[in-house]
Amino acid sequence: MAKKRKGIEKYNVHFALYGTIEVTARNKATAENKAHRMSIKELIRKAKSIDKESLNQWEADRID
């Protein structure tokens, strides 16, 4: 018999600076690993709510 595979689901992963992002994966642990491997540009693009002050501070730190 064939193994029944779990479907891909959407999980919310929280980041202190970027807020909460939605990641699709087979389980929560995989979603967290996938989110932590994303580049900063991807995180900013996927973020549902970004704290503008934190983002401005990140830009200032990046320029220095």
PDB file of N, CA and C in Angstrom:
ATOM      1  N   MET A   1       0.829  -1.188   0.000  1.00  0.00           N
ATOM      2  CA  MET A   1       0.000   0.000   0.000  1.00  0.00           C
ATOM      3  C   MET A   1       0.872   1.250   0.000  1.00  0.00           C
ATOM      4  N   ALA A   2       0.385   2.252  -0.670  1.00  0.00           N
ATOM      5  CA  ALA A   2       1.115   3.519  -0.720  1.00  0.00           C
ATOM      6  C   ALA A   2       0.941   4.266   0.601  1.00  0.00           C
ATOM      7  N   LYS A   3       1.986   4.990   0.971  1.00  0.00           N
ATOM      8  CA  LYS A   3       1.938   5.800   2.177  1.00  0.00           C
ATOM      9  C   LYS A   3       1.056   7.027   1.949  1.00  0.00           C
ATOM     10  N   LYS A   4       0.250   7.354   2.918  1.00  0.00           N
ATOM     11  CA  LYS A   4      -0.558   8.563   2.808  1.00  0.00           C
ATOM     12  C   LYS A   4       0.306   9.753   3.218  1.00  0.00           C
ATOM     13  N   ARG A   5       0.422  10.729   2.332  1.00  0.00           N
ATOM     14  CA  ARG A   5       1.254  11.895   2.616  1.00  0.00           C
ATOM     15  C   ARG A   5       0.406  13.019   3.195  1.00  0.00           C
ATOM     16  N   LYS A   6       1.003  13.728   4.112  1.00  0.00           N
ATOM     17  CA  LYS A   6       0.325  14.884   4.677  1.00  0.00           C
ATOM     18  C   LYS A   6       0.342  16.008   3.646  1.00  0.00           C
ATOM     19  N   GLY A   7      -0.704  16.773   3.616  1.00  0.00           N
ATOM     20  CA  GLY A   7      -0.781  17.901   2.692  1.00  0.00           C
ATOM     21  C   GLY A   7       0.068  19.071   3.151  1.00  0.00           C
ATOM     22  N   ILE A   8       0.330  19.948   2.227  1.00  0.00           N
ATOM     23  CA  ILE A   8       1.076  21.156   2.551  1.00  0.00           C
ATOM     24  C   ILE A   8       0.093  22.166   3.136  1.00  0.00           C
ATOM     25  N   GLU A   9       0.458  22.741   4.274  1.00  0.00           N
ATOM     26  CA  GLU A   9      -0.398  23.696   4.967  1.00  0.00           C
ATOM     27  C   GLU A   9       0.339  25.007   5.161  1.00  0.00           C
ATOM     28  N   LYS A  10      -0.403  26.038   5.558  1.00  0.00           N
ATOM     29  CA  LYS A  10       0.189  27.346   5.827  1.00  0.00           C
ATOM     30  C   LYS A  10       0.383  27.505   7.329  1.00  0.00           C
ATOM     31  N   TYR A  11       1.573  27.960   7.715  1.00  0.00           N
ATOM     32  CA  TYR A  11       1.895  28.189   9.124  1.00  0.00           C
ATOM     33  C   TYR A  11       2.359  29.625   9.304  1.00  0.00           C
ATOM     34  N   ASN A  12       2.044  30.207  10.455  1.00  0.00           N
ATOM     35  CA  ASN A  12       2.516  31.543  10.791  1.00  0.00           C
ATOM     36  C   ASN A  12       3.775  31.416  11.634  1.00  0.00           C
ATOM     37  N   VAL A  13       4.833  32.121  11.218  1.00  0.00           N
ATOM     38  CA  VAL A  13       6.101  32.124  11.944  1.00  0.00           C
ATOM     39  C   VAL A  13       6.361  33.555  12.384  1.00  0.00           C
ATOM     40  N   HIS A  14       6.659  33.757  13.669  1.00  0.00           N
ATOM     41  CA  HIS A  14       6.853  35.097  14.223  1.00  0.00           C
ATOM     42  C   HIS A  14       8.336  35.455  14.296  1.00  0.00           C
ATOM     43  N   PHE A  15       8.655  36.679  13.842  1.00  0.00           N
ATOM     44  CA  PHE A  15       9.993  37.243  13.978  1.00  0.00           C
ATOM     45  C   PHE A  15       9.875  38.532  14.770  1.00  0.00           C
ATOM     46  N   ALA A  16      10.832  38.797  15.645  1.00  0.00           N
ATOM     47  CA  ALA A  16      10.773  39.990  16.483  1.00  0.00           C
ATOM     48  C   ALA A  16      10.777  41.265  15.642  1.00  0.00           C
ATOM     49  N   LEU A  17      11.623  41.329  14.625  1.00  0.00           N
ATOM     50  CA  LEU A  17      11.758  42.548  13.831  1.00  0.00           C
ATOM     51  C   LEU A  17      10.710  42.642  12.730  1.00  0.00           C
ATOM     52  N   TYR A  18      10.410  41.539  12.087  1.00  0.00           N
ATOM     53  CA  TYR A  18       9.565  41.584  10.887  1.00  0.00           C
ATOM     54  C   TYR A  18       8.114  41.222  11.134  1.00  0.00           C
ATOM     55  N   GLY A  19       7.752  40.895  12.334  1.00  0.00           N
ATOM     56  CA  GLY A  19       6.370  40.529  12.613  1.00  0.00           C
ATOM     57  C   GLY A  19       6.100  39.073  12.280  1.00  0.00           C
ATOM     58  N   THR A  20       4.907  38.785  11.815  1.00  0.00           N
ATOM     59  CA  THR A  20       4.496  37.421  11.512  1.00  0.00           C
ATOM     60  C   THR A  20       4.453  37.224  10.007  1.00  0.00           C
ATOM     61  N   ILE A  21       5.037  36.122   9.539  1.00  0.00           N
ATOM     62  CA  ILE A  21       4.962  35.799   8.117  1.00  0.00           C
ATOM     63  C   ILE A  21       4.283  34.448   7.956  1.00  0.00           C
ATOM     64  N   GLU A  22       3.681  34.241   6.802  1.00  0.00           N
ATOM     65  CA  GLU A  22       2.994  32.987   6.507  1.00  0.00           C
ATOM     66  C   GLU A  22       3.888  32.151   5.595  1.00  0.00           C
ATOM     67  N   VAL A  23       4.154  30.909   6.001  1.00  0.00           N
ATOM     68  CA  VAL A  23       5.025  30.012   5.248  1.00  0.00           C
ATOM     69  C   VAL A  23       4.268  28.716   4.982  1.00  0.00           C
ATOM     70  N   THR A  24       4.406  28.181   3.770  1.00  0.00           N
ATOM     71  CA  THR A  24       3.773  26.897   3.460  1.00  0.00           C
ATOM     72  C   THR A  24       4.787  25.779   3.645  1.00  0.00           C
ATOM     73  N   ALA A  25       4.377  24.720   4.321  1.00  0.00           N
ATOM     74  CA  ALA A  25       5.253  23.571   4.561  1.00  0.00           C
ATOM     75  C   ALA A  25       4.409  22.395   5.041  1.00  0.00           C
ATOM     76  N   ARG A  26       5.039  21.229   5.161  1.00  0.00           N
ATOM     77  CA  ARG A  26       4.321  20.029   5.611  1.00  0.00           C
ATOM     78  C   ARG A  26       4.078  20.011   7.117  1.00  0.00           C
ATOM     79  N   ASN A  27       4.968  20.657   7.896  1.00  0.00           N
ATOM     80  CA  ASN A  27       4.749  20.727   9.347  1.00  0.00           C
ATOM     81  C   ASN A  27       5.357  22.009   9.912  1.00  0.00           C
ATOM     82  N   LYS A  28       5.079  22.302  11.177  1.00  0.00           N
ATOM     83  CA  LYS A  28       5.499  23.555  11.811  1.00  0.00           C
ATOM     84  C   LYS A  28       7.019  23.689  11.877  1.00  0.00           C
ATOM     85  N   ALA A  29       7.725  22.617  12.198  1.00  0.00           N
ATOM     86  CA  ALA A  29       9.187  22.674  12.305  1.00  0.00           C
ATOM     87  C   ALA A  29       9.819  23.011  10.957  1.00  0.00           C
ATOM     88  N   THR A  30       9.317  22.401   9.897  1.00  0.00           N
ATOM     89  CA  THR A  30       9.836  22.678   8.558  1.00  0.00           C
ATOM     90  C   THR A  30       9.545  24.124   8.168  1.00  0.00           C
ATOM     91  N   ALA A  31       8.378  24.626   8.531  1.00  0.00           N
ATOM     92  CA  ALA A  31       8.016  26.014   8.228  1.00  0.00           C
ATOM     93  C   ALA A  31       8.967  26.982   8.928  1.00  0.00           C
ATOM     94  N   GLU A  32       9.299  26.698  10.189  1.00  0.00           N
ATOM     95  CA  GLU A  32      10.218  27.569  10.924  1.00  0.00           C
ATOM     96  C   GLU A  32      11.614  27.535  10.310  1.00  0.00           C
ATOM     97  N   ASN A  33      12.097  26.350   9.944  1.00  0.00           N
ATOM     98  CA  ASN A  33      13.409  26.248   9.299  1.00  0.00           C
ATOM     99  C   ASN A  33      13.431  27.011   7.982  1.00  0.00           C
ATOM    100  N   LYS A  34      12.386  26.853   7.209  1.00  0.00           N
ATOM    101  CA  LYS A  34      12.284  27.524   5.914  1.00  0.00           C
ATOM    102  C   LYS A  34      12.298  29.043   6.100  1.00  0.00           C
ATOM    103  N   ALA A  35      11.571  29.533   7.095  1.00  0.00           N
ATOM    104  CA  ALA A  35      11.507  30.972   7.355  1.00  0.00           C
ATOM    105  C   ALA A  35      12.861  31.514   7.805  1.00  0.00           C
ATOM    106  N   HIS A  36      13.581  30.770   8.619  1.00  0.00           N
ATOM    107  CA  HIS A  36      14.874  31.241   9.115  1.00  0.00           C
ATOM    108  C   HIS A  36      15.945  31.227   8.028  1.00  0.00           C
ATOM    109  N   ARG A  37      15.730  30.464   6.961  1.00  0.00           N
ATOM    110  CA  ARG A  37      16.679  30.448   5.849  1.00  0.00           C
ATOM    111  C   ARG A  37      16.407  31.542   4.820  1.00  0.00           C
ATOM    112  N   MET A  38      15.267  32.218   4.931  1.00  0.00           N
ATOM    113  CA  MET A  38      14.909  33.260   3.960  1.00  0.00           C
ATOM    114  C   MET A  38      15.821  34.469   4.101  1.00  0.00           C
ATOM    115  N   SER A  39      16.015  35.166   2.987  1.00  0.00           N
ATOM    116  CA  SER A  39      16.805  36.395   3.024  1.00  0.00           C
ATOM    117  C   SER A  39      15.967  37.510   3.648  1.00  0.00           C
ATOM    118  N   ILE A  40      16.624  38.587   4.021  1.00  0.00           N
ATOM    119  CA  ILE A  40      15.932  39.702   4.655  1.00  0.00           C
ATOM    120  C   ILE A  40      14.910  40.314   3.697  1.00  0.00           C
ATOM    121  N   LYS A  41      15.249  40.402   2.408  1.00  0.00           N
ATOM    122  CA  LYS A  41      14.304  40.955   1.430  1.00  0.00           C
ATOM    123  C   LYS A  41      13.039  40.110   1.356  1.00  0.00           C
ATOM    124  N   GLU A  42      13.193  38.794   1.374  1.00  0.00           N
ATOM    125  CA  GLU A  42      12.026  37.905   1.339  1.00  0.00           C
ATOM    126  C   GLU A  42      11.164  38.088   2.588  1.00  0.00           C
ATOM    127  N   LEU A  43      11.815  38.206   3.743  1.00  0.00           N
ATOM    128  CA  LEU A  43      11.074  38.381   4.996  1.00  0.00           C
ATOM    129  C   LEU A  43      10.267  39.672   4.980  1.00  0.00           C
ATOM    130  N   ILE A  44      10.888  40.753   4.508  1.00  0.00           N
ATOM    131  CA  ILE A  44      10.199  42.040   4.460  1.00  0.00           C
ATOM    132  C   ILE A  44       9.017  41.967   3.497  1.00  0.00           C
ATOM    133  N   ARG A  45       9.216  41.317   2.364  1.00  0.00           N
ATOM    134  CA  ARG A  45       8.155  41.211   1.363  1.00  0.00           C
ATOM    135  C   ARG A  45       6.973  40.380   1.889  1.00  0.00           C
ATOM    136  N   LYS A  46       7.258  39.334   2.655  1.00  0.00           N
ATOM    137  CA  LYS A  46       6.206  38.437   3.138  1.00  0.00           C
ATOM    138  C   LYS A  46       5.576  38.882   4.455  1.00  0.00           C
ATOM    139  N   ALA A  47       6.193  39.836   5.125  1.00  0.00           N
ATOM    140  CA  ALA A  47       5.702  40.249   6.443  1.00  0.00           C
ATOM    141  C   ALA A  47       4.298  40.838   6.345  1.00  0.00           C
ATOM    142  N   LYS A  48       3.446  40.439   7.256  1.00  0.00           N
ATOM    143  CA  LYS A  48       2.071  40.948   7.283  1.00  0.00           C
ATOM    144  C   LYS A  48       2.031  42.339   7.906  1.00  0.00           C
ATOM    145  N   SER A  49       2.795  42.520   8.963  1.00  0.00           N
ATOM    146  CA  SER A  49       2.826  43.823   9.623  1.00  0.00           C
ATOM    147  C   SER A  49       4.260  44.101  10.049  1.00  0.00           C
ATOM    148  N   ILE A  50       4.786  45.212   9.561  1.00  0.00           N
ATOM    149  CA  ILE A  50       6.168  45.574   9.883  1.00  0.00           C
ATOM    150  C   ILE A  50       6.146  46.834  10.739  1.00  0.00           C
ATOM    151  N   ASP A  51       6.931  46.825  11.790  1.00  0.00           N
ATOM    152  CA  ASP A  51       7.100  48.007  12.616  1.00  0.00           C
ATOM    153  C   ASP A  51       8.033  48.952  11.856  1.00  0.00           C
ATOM    154  N   LYS A  52       7.510  50.108  11.413  1.00  0.00           N
ATOM    155  CA  LYS A  52       8.291  51.008  10.558  1.00  0.00           C
ATOM    156  C   LYS A  52       9.540  51.527  11.264  1.00  0.00           C
ATOM    157  N   GLU A  53       9.478  51.774  12.558  1.00  0.00           N
ATOM    158  CA  GLU A  53      10.649  52.257  13.284  1.00  0.00           C
ATOM    159  C   GLU A  53      11.761  51.211  13.261  1.00  0.00           C
ATOM    160  N   SER A  54      11.408  49.958  13.460  1.00  0.00           N
ATOM    161  CA  SER A  54      12.399  48.883  13.427  1.00  0.00           C
ATOM    162  C   SER A  54      13.004  48.758  12.043  1.00  0.00           C
ATOM    163  N   LEU A  55      12.172  48.889  11.010  1.00  0.00           N
ATOM    164  CA  LEU A  55      12.662  48.797   9.639  1.00  0.00           C
ATOM    165  C   LEU A  55      13.614  49.946   9.334  1.00  0.00           C
ATOM    166  N   ASN A  56      13.271  51.159   9.778  1.00  0.00           N
ATOM    167  CA  ASN A  56      14.151  52.306   9.570  1.00  0.00           C
ATOM    168  C   ASN A  56      15.467  52.114  10.310  1.00  0.00           C
ATOM    169  N   GLN A  57      15.428  51.541  11.509  1.00  0.00           N
ATOM    170  CA  GLN A  57      16.649  51.272  12.266  1.00  0.00           C
ATOM    171  C   GLN A  57      17.499  50.241  11.543  1.00  0.00           C
ATOM    172  N   TRP A  58      16.860  49.221  10.975  1.00  0.00           N
ATOM    173  CA  TRP A  58      17.591  48.204  10.220  1.00  0.00           C
ATOM    174  C   TRP A  58      18.276  48.834   9.021  1.00  0.00           C
ATOM    175  N   GLU A  59      17.581  49.739   8.299  1.00  0.00           N
ATOM    176  CA  GLU A  59      18.164  50.433   7.148  1.00  0.00           C
ATOM    177  C   GLU A  59      19.365  51.269   7.596  1.00  0.00           C
ATOM    178  N   ALA A  60      19.226  51.976   8.726  1.00  0.00           N
ATOM    179  CA  ALA A  60      20.317  52.807   9.232  1.00  0.00           C
ATOM    180  C   ALA A  60      21.527  51.948   9.598  1.00  0.00           C
ATOM    181  N   ASP A  61      21.296  50.805  10.225  1.00  0.00           N
ATOM    182  CA  ASP A  61      22.395  49.912  10.588  1.00  0.00           C
ATOM    183  C   ASP A  61      23.067  49.347   9.345  1.00  0.00           C
ATOM    184  N   ARG A  62      22.270  49.074   8.318  1.00  0.00           N
ATOM    185  CA  ARG A  62      22.802  48.490   7.089  1.00  0.00           C
ATOM    186  C   ARG A  62      23.689  49.496   6.355  1.00  0.00           C
ATOM    187  N   ILE A  63      23.314  50.782   6.387  1.00  0.00           N
ATOM    188  CA  ILE A  63      24.076  51.819   5.684  1.00  0.00           C
ATOM    189  C   ILE A  63      25.399  52.089   6.382  1.00  0.00           C
ATOM    190  N   ASP A  64      25.426  52.020   7.711  1.00  0.00           N
ATOM    191  CA  ASP A  64      26.667  52.302   8.479  1.00  0.00           C
ATOM    192  C   ASP A  64      27.790  51.386   8.162  1.00  0.00           C
TER     193      ASP A  64
END
